[in-house]
PDB file of all heavy atoms in Angstrom:
ATOM      1  N   SER A   1     143.686  75.058  77.334  1.00  0.00           N
ATOM      2  CA  SER A   1     143.443  74.149  76.217  1.00  0.00           C
ATOM      3  C   SER A   1     142.807  72.858  76.649  1.00  0.00           C
ATOM      4  O   SER A   1     142.499  72.010  75.832  1.00  0.00           O
ATOM      5  CB  SER A   1     144.761  73.859  75.493  1.00  0.00           C
ATOM      6  OG  SER A   1     145.610  73.110  76.336  1.00  0.00           O
ATOM      7  N   GLY A   2     142.661  72.673  77.942  1.00  0.00           N
ATOM      8  CA  GLY A   2     142.057  71.442  78.419  1.00  0.00           C
ATOM      9  C   GLY A   2     143.007  70.295  78.456  1.00  0.00           C
ATOM     10  O   GLY A   2     142.595  69.149  78.600  1.00  0.00           O
ATOM     11  N   ALA A   3     144.324  70.511  78.319  1.00  0.00           N
ATOM     12  CA  ALA A   3     145.304  69.430  78.320  1.00  0.00           C
ATOM     13  C   ALA A   3     146.038  69.450  79.626  1.00  0.00           C
ATOM     14  O   ALA A   3     147.179  69.833  79.719  1.00  0.00           O
ATOM     15  CB  ALA A   3     146.268  69.577  77.152  1.00  0.00           C
ATOM     16  N   GLY A   4     145.419  69.061  80.690  1.00  0.00           N
ATOM     17  CA  GLY A   4     146.057  69.064  81.994  1.00  0.00           C
ATOM     18  C   GLY A   4     146.983  67.913  82.167  1.00  0.00           C
ATOM     19  O   GLY A   4     147.129  67.061  81.303  1.00  0.00           O
ATOM     20  N   GLU A   5     147.635  67.862  83.352  1.00  0.00           N
ATOM     21  CA  GLU A   5     148.587  66.792  83.613  1.00  0.00           C
ATOM     22  C   GLU A   5     147.924  65.423  83.571  1.00  0.00           C
ATOM     23  O   GLU A   5     148.543  64.442  83.245  1.00  0.00           O
ATOM     24  CB  GLU A   5     149.228  67.016  84.988  1.00  0.00           C
ATOM     25  CG  GLU A   5     150.130  68.228  85.086  1.00  0.00           C
ATOM     26  CD  GLU A   5     151.365  68.085  84.248  1.00  0.00           C
ATOM     27  OE1 GLU A   5     151.815  66.937  84.058  1.00  0.00           O
ATOM     28  OE2 GLU A   5     151.882  69.101  83.781  1.00  0.00           O
ATOM     29  N   GLY A   6     146.659  65.391  83.890  1.00  0.00           N
ATOM     30  CA  GLY A   6     145.996  64.084  83.911  1.00  0.00           C
ATOM     31  C   GLY A   6     145.308  63.747  82.615  1.00  0.00           C
ATOM     32  O   GLY A   6     144.545  62.789  82.534  1.00  0.00           O
ATOM     33  N   GLY A   7     145.551  64.550  81.551  1.00  0.00           N
ATOM     34  CA  GLY A   7     144.882  64.317  80.278  1.00  0.00           C
ATOM     35  C   GLY A   7     145.250  62.977  79.682  1.00  0.00           C
ATOM     36  O   GLY A   7     146.299  62.424  79.925  1.00  0.00           O
ATOM     37  N   SER A   8     144.381  62.466  78.847  1.00  0.00           N
ATOM     38  CA  SER A   8     144.601  61.160  78.218  1.00  0.00           C
ATOM     39  C   SER A   8     145.313  61.332  76.900  1.00  0.00           C
ATOM     40  O   SER A   8     144.988  62.218  76.108  1.00  0.00           O
ATOM     41  CB  SER A   8     143.256  60.455  77.996  1.00  0.00           C
ATOM     42  OG  SER A   8     143.430  59.319  77.190  1.00  0.00           O
ATOM     43  N   ALA A   9     146.307  60.471  76.657  1.00  0.00           N
ATOM     44  CA  ALA A   9     147.050  60.551  75.386  1.00  0.00           C
ATOM     45  C   ALA A   9     146.171  60.221  74.212  1.00  0.00           C
ATOM     46  O   ALA A   9     146.436  60.633  73.088  1.00  0.00           O
ATOM     47  CB  ALA A   9     148.241  59.599  75.436  1.00  0.00           C
ATOM     48  N   ALA A  10     145.122  59.467  74.428  1.00  0.00           N
ATOM     49  CA  ALA A  10     144.268  59.038  73.325  1.00  0.00           C
ATOM     50  C   ALA A  10     143.172  60.041  73.018  1.00  0.00           C
ATOM     51  O   ALA A  10     142.461  59.891  72.035  1.00  0.00           O
ATOM     52  CB  ALA A  10     143.656  57.674  73.653  1.00  0.00           C
ATOM     53  N   SER A  11     142.956  61.058  73.917  1.00  0.00           N
ATOM     54  CA  SER A  11     141.878  62.013  73.677  1.00  0.00           C
ATOM     55  C   SER A  11     142.229  62.905  72.497  1.00  0.00           C
ATOM     56  O   SER A  11     143.380  63.130  72.185  1.00  0.00           O
ATOM     57  CB  SER A  11     141.635  62.848  74.931  1.00  0.00           C
ATOM     58  OG  SER A  11     142.807  63.563  75.284  1.00  0.00           O
ATOM     59  N   ALA A  12     141.205  63.454  71.858  1.00  0.00           N
ATOM     60  CA  ALA A  12     141.420  64.236  70.643  1.00  0.00           C
ATOM     61  C   ALA A  12     142.081  65.563  70.972  1.00  0.00           C
ATOM     62  O   ALA A  12     141.605  66.289  71.847  1.00  0.00           O
ATOM     63  CB  ALA A  12     140.087  64.473  69.946  1.00  0.00           C
ATOM     64  N   PRO A  13     143.190  65.930  70.312  1.00  0.00           N
ATOM     65  CA  PRO A  13     143.841  67.213  70.582  1.00  0.00           C
ATOM     66  C   PRO A  13     143.046  68.355  69.973  1.00  0.00           C
ATOM     67  O   PRO A  13     142.248  68.154  69.054  1.00  0.00           O
ATOM     68  CB  PRO A  13     145.193  67.061  69.891  1.00  0.00           C
ATOM     69  CG  PRO A  13     144.933  66.091  68.792  1.00  0.00           C
ATOM     70  CD  PRO A  13     143.904  65.131  69.322  1.00  0.00           C
ATOM     71  N   LYS A  14     143.303  69.557  70.464  1.00  0.00           N
ATOM     72  CA  LYS A  14     142.611  70.711  69.908  1.00  0.00           C
ATOM     73  C   LYS A  14     143.195  71.033  68.536  1.00  0.00           C
ATOM     74  O   LYS A  14     144.305  70.613  68.196  1.00  0.00           O
ATOM     75  CB  LYS A  14     142.746  71.903  70.843  1.00  0.00           C
ATOM     76  CG  LYS A  14     144.142  72.524  70.858  1.00  0.00           C
ATOM     77  CD  LYS A  14     144.161  73.803  71.670  1.00  0.00           C
ATOM     78  CE  LYS A  14     145.518  74.497  71.569  1.00  0.00           C
ATOM     79  NZ  LYS A  14     145.548  75.769  72.330  1.00  0.00           N
ATOM     80  N   PRO A  15     142.445  71.764  67.709  1.00  0.00           N
ATOM     81  CA  PRO A  15     142.944  72.101  66.368  1.00  0.00           C
ATOM     82  C   PRO A  15     144.260  72.875  66.444  1.00  0.00           C
ATOM     83  O   PRO A  15     144.531  73.568  67.419  1.00  0.00           O
ATOM     84  CB  PRO A  15     141.812  72.974  65.795  1.00  0.00           C
ATOM     85  CG  PRO A  15     140.601  72.597  66.569  1.00  0.00           C
ATOM     86  CD  PRO A  15     141.085  72.258  67.947  1.00  0.00           C
ATOM     87  N   LEU A  16     145.077  72.751  65.394  1.00  0.00           N
ATOM     88  CA  LEU A  16     146.338  73.473  65.330  1.00  0.00           C
ATOM     89  C   LEU A  16     146.071  74.962  65.200  1.00  0.00           C
ATOM     90  O   LEU A  16     145.017  75.384  64.727  1.00  0.00           O
ATOM     91  CB  LEU A  16     147.171  72.985  64.134  1.00  0.00           C
ATOM     92  CG  LEU A  16     147.454  71.486  64.051  1.00  0.00           C
ATOM     93  CD1 LEU A  16     148.287  71.187  62.812  1.00  0.00           C
ATOM     94  CD2 LEU A  16     148.157  70.992  65.298  1.00  0.00           C
ATOM     95  N   SER A  17     147.043  75.763  65.602  1.00  0.00           N
ATOM     96  CA  SER A  17     146.886  77.210  65.501  1.00  0.00           C
ATOM     97  C   SER A  17     146.863  77.636  64.041  1.00  0.00           C
ATOM     98  O   SER A  17     147.416  76.967  63.163  1.00  0.00           O
ATOM     99  CB  SER A  17     148.038  77.914  66.223  1.00  0.00           C
ATOM    100  OG  SER A  17     149.252  77.709  65.527  1.00  0.00           O
ATOM    101  N   GLN A  18     146.201  78.773  63.798  1.00  0.00           N
ATOM    102  CA  GLN A  18     146.081  79.302  62.439  1.00  0.00           C
ATOM    103  C   GLN A  18     147.461  79.512  61.805  1.00  0.00           C
ATOM    104  O   GLN A  18     147.715  79.117  60.667  1.00  0.00           O
ATOM    105  CB  GLN A  18     145.321  80.631  62.484  1.00  0.00           C
ATOM    106  CG  GLN A  18     145.358  81.430  61.177  1.00  0.00           C
ATOM    107  CD  GLN A  18     144.261  81.024  60.229  1.00  0.00           C
ATOM    108  OE1 GLN A  18     143.300  80.403  60.650  1.00  0.00           O
ATOM    109  NE2 GLN A  18     144.416  81.360  58.968  1.00  0.00           N
ATOM    110  N   LYS A  19     148.385  80.129  62.555  1.00  0.00           N
ATOM    111  CA  LYS A  19     149.713  80.423  62.013  1.00  0.00           C
ATOM    112  C   LYS A  19     150.475  79.153  61.699  1.00  0.00           C
ATOM    113  O   LYS A  19     151.108  79.027  60.644  1.00  0.00           O
ATOM    114  CB  LYS A  19     150.503  81.274  63.005  1.00  0.00           C
ATOM    115  CG  LYS A  19     151.884  81.689  62.493  1.00  0.00           C
ATOM    116  CD  LYS A  19     152.604  82.564  63.496  1.00  0.00           C
ATOM    117  CE  LYS A  19     153.989  82.962  62.975  1.00  0.00           C
ATOM    118  NZ  LYS A  19     154.738  83.784  63.952  1.00  0.00           N
ATOM    119  N   LEU A  20     150.414  78.158  62.597  1.00  0.00           N
ATOM    120  CA  LEU A  20     151.133  76.911  62.355  1.00  0.00           C
ATOM    121  C   LEU A  20     150.574  76.186  61.149  1.00  0.00           C
ATOM    122  O   LEU A  20     151.324  75.656  60.320  1.00  0.00           O
ATOM    123  CB  LEU A  20     151.051  76.013  63.599  1.00  0.00           C
ATOM    124  CG  LEU A  20     151.687  74.619  63.458  1.00  0.00           C
ATOM    125  CD1 LEU A  20     153.164  74.740  63.091  1.00  0.00           C
ATOM    126  CD2 LEU A  20     151.521  73.824  64.740  1.00  0.00           C
ATOM    127  N   VAL A  21     149.259  76.173  61.013  1.00  0.00           N
ATOM    128  CA  VAL A  21     148.634  75.497  59.877  1.00  0.00           C
ATOM    129  C   VAL A  21     149.097  76.128  58.567  1.00  0.00           C
ATOM    130  O   VAL A  21     149.437  75.435  57.606  1.00  0.00           O
ATOM    131  CB  VAL A  21     147.101  75.553  59.998  1.00  0.00           C
ATOM    132  CG1 VAL A  21     146.441  75.207  58.672  1.00  0.00           C
ATOM    133  CG2 VAL A  21     146.631  74.574  61.065  1.00  0.00           C
ATOM    134  N   GLU A  22     149.133  77.465  58.535  1.00  0.00           N
ATOM    135  CA  GLU A  22     149.548  78.137  57.308  1.00  0.00           C
ATOM    136  C   GLU A  22     151.018  77.860  56.996  1.00  0.00           C
ATOM    137  O   GLU A  22     151.390  77.661  55.831  1.00  0.00           O
ATOM    138  CB  GLU A  22     149.301  79.637  57.434  1.00  0.00           C
ATOM    139  CG  GLU A  22     147.828  79.999  57.429  1.00  0.00           C
ATOM    140  CD  GLU A  22     147.587  81.498  57.530  1.00  0.00           C
ATOM    141  OE1 GLU A  22     148.561  82.232  57.807  1.00  0.00           O
ATOM    142  OE2 GLU A  22     146.446  81.910  57.336  1.00  0.00           O
ATOM    143  N   GLU A  23     151.864  77.813  58.031  1.00  0.00           N
ATOM    144  CA  GLU A  23     153.279  77.526  57.802  1.00  0.00           C
ATOM    145  C   GLU A  23     153.477  76.098  57.319  1.00  0.00           C
ATOM    146  O   GLU A  23     154.282  75.836  56.412  1.00  0.00           O
ATOM    147  CB  GLU A  23     154.076  77.769  59.072  1.00  0.00           C
ATOM    148  CG  GLU A  23     154.228  79.231  59.429  1.00  0.00           C
ATOM    149  CD  GLU A  23     155.197  79.465  60.574  1.00  0.00           C
ATOM    150  OE1 GLU A  23     155.895  78.505  60.975  1.00  0.00           O
ATOM    151  OE2 GLU A  23     155.267  80.588  61.050  1.00  0.00           O
ATOM    152  N   LEU A  24     152.758  75.155  57.924  1.00  0.00           N
ATOM    153  CA  LEU A  24     152.875  73.760  57.487  1.00  0.00           C
ATOM    154  C   LEU A  24     152.387  73.612  56.048  1.00  0.00           C
ATOM    155  O   LEU A  24     152.979  72.865  55.253  1.00  0.00           O
ATOM    156  CB  LEU A  24     152.072  72.844  58.414  1.00  0.00           C
ATOM    157  CG  LEU A  24     152.555  72.744  59.867  1.00  0.00           C
ATOM    158  CD1 LEU A  24     151.643  71.831  60.663  1.00  0.00           C
ATOM    159  CD2 LEU A  24     153.992  72.250  59.940  1.00  0.00           C
ATOM    160  N   ALA A  25     151.307  74.329  55.703  1.00  0.00           N
ATOM    161  CA  ALA A  25     150.779  74.252  54.343  1.00  0.00           C
ATOM    162  C   ALA A  25     151.790  74.778  53.333  1.00  0.00           C
ATOM    163  O   ALA A  25     151.975  74.210  52.253  1.00  0.00           O
ATOM    164  CB  ALA A  25     149.471  75.043  54.245  1.00  0.00           C
ATOM    165  N   VAL A  26     152.484  75.874  53.697  1.00  0.00           N
ATOM    166  CA  VAL A  26     153.487  76.448  52.794  1.00  0.00           C
ATOM    167  C   VAL A  26     154.659  75.488  52.623  1.00  0.00           C
ATOM    168  O   VAL A  26     155.163  75.271  51.509  1.00  0.00           O
ATOM    169  CB  VAL A  26     153.973  77.807  53.333  1.00  0.00           C
ATOM    170  CG1 VAL A  26     155.202  78.274  52.572  1.00  0.00           C
ATOM    171  CG2 VAL A  26     152.867  78.842  53.222  1.00  0.00           C
ATOM    172  N   GLN A  27     155.116  74.886  53.721  1.00  0.00           N
ATOM    173  CA  GLN A  27     156.252  73.960  53.639  1.00  0.00           C
ATOM    174  C   GLN A  27     155.870  72.704  52.856  1.00  0.00           C
ATOM    175  O   GLN A  27     156.680  72.148  52.108  1.00  0.00           O
ATOM    176  CB  GLN A  27     156.727  73.608  55.048  1.00  0.00           C
ATOM    177  CG  GLN A  27     157.305  74.817  55.780  1.00  0.00           C
ATOM    178  CD  GLN A  27     157.661  74.531  57.215  1.00  0.00           C
ATOM    179  OE1 GLN A  27     158.702  73.955  57.502  1.00  0.00           O
ATOM    180  NE2 GLN A  27     156.779  74.914  58.134  1.00  0.00           N
ATOM    181  N   ARG A  28     154.631  72.257  53.027  1.00  0.00           N
ATOM    182  CA  ARG A  28     154.158  71.112  52.244  1.00  0.00           C
ATOM    183  C   ARG A  28     154.127  71.461  50.762  1.00  0.00           C
ATOM    184  O   ARG A  28     154.479  70.667  49.896  1.00  0.00           O
ATOM    185  CB  ARG A  28     152.759  70.729  52.740  1.00  0.00           C
ATOM    186  CG  ARG A  28     152.088  69.588  51.985  1.00  0.00           C
ATOM    187  CD  ARG A  28     150.741  69.305  52.654  1.00  0.00           C
ATOM    188  NE  ARG A  28     150.017  68.245  51.982  1.00  0.00           N
ATOM    189  CZ  ARG A  28     149.166  68.432  50.983  1.00  0.00           C
ATOM    190  NH1 ARG A  28     148.963  69.663  50.522  1.00  0.00           N
ATOM    191  NH2 ARG A  28     148.529  67.418  50.441  1.00  0.00           N
ATOM    192  N   ARG A  29     153.680  72.720  50.468  1.00  0.00           N
ATOM    193  CA  ARG A  29     153.691  73.185  49.088  1.00  0.00           C
ATOM    194  C   ARG A  29     155.103  73.181  48.510  1.00  0.00           C
ATOM    195  O   ARG A  29     155.330  72.801  47.354  1.00  0.00           O
ATOM    196  CB  ARG A  29     153.104  74.601  49.042  1.00  0.00           C
ATOM    197  CG  ARG A  29     152.883  75.206  47.647  1.00  0.00           C
ATOM    198  CD  ARG A  29     154.118  75.829  47.016  1.00  0.00           C
ATOM    199  NE  ARG A  29     154.770  76.798  47.858  1.00  0.00           N
ATOM    200  CZ  ARG A  29     154.480  78.094  47.861  1.00  0.00           C
ATOM    201  NH1 ARG A  29     153.543  78.579  47.085  1.00  0.00           N
ATOM    202  NH2 ARG A  29     155.164  78.910  48.657  1.00  0.00           N
TER     203      ARG A  29
END
């Protein structure tokens, strides 16, 4: 994912997984 130990906290994270996004959307609903 490109998030190594030396990664920067301010750098942009990768997109959320498809399954997690759908679960969050359902819970928000």
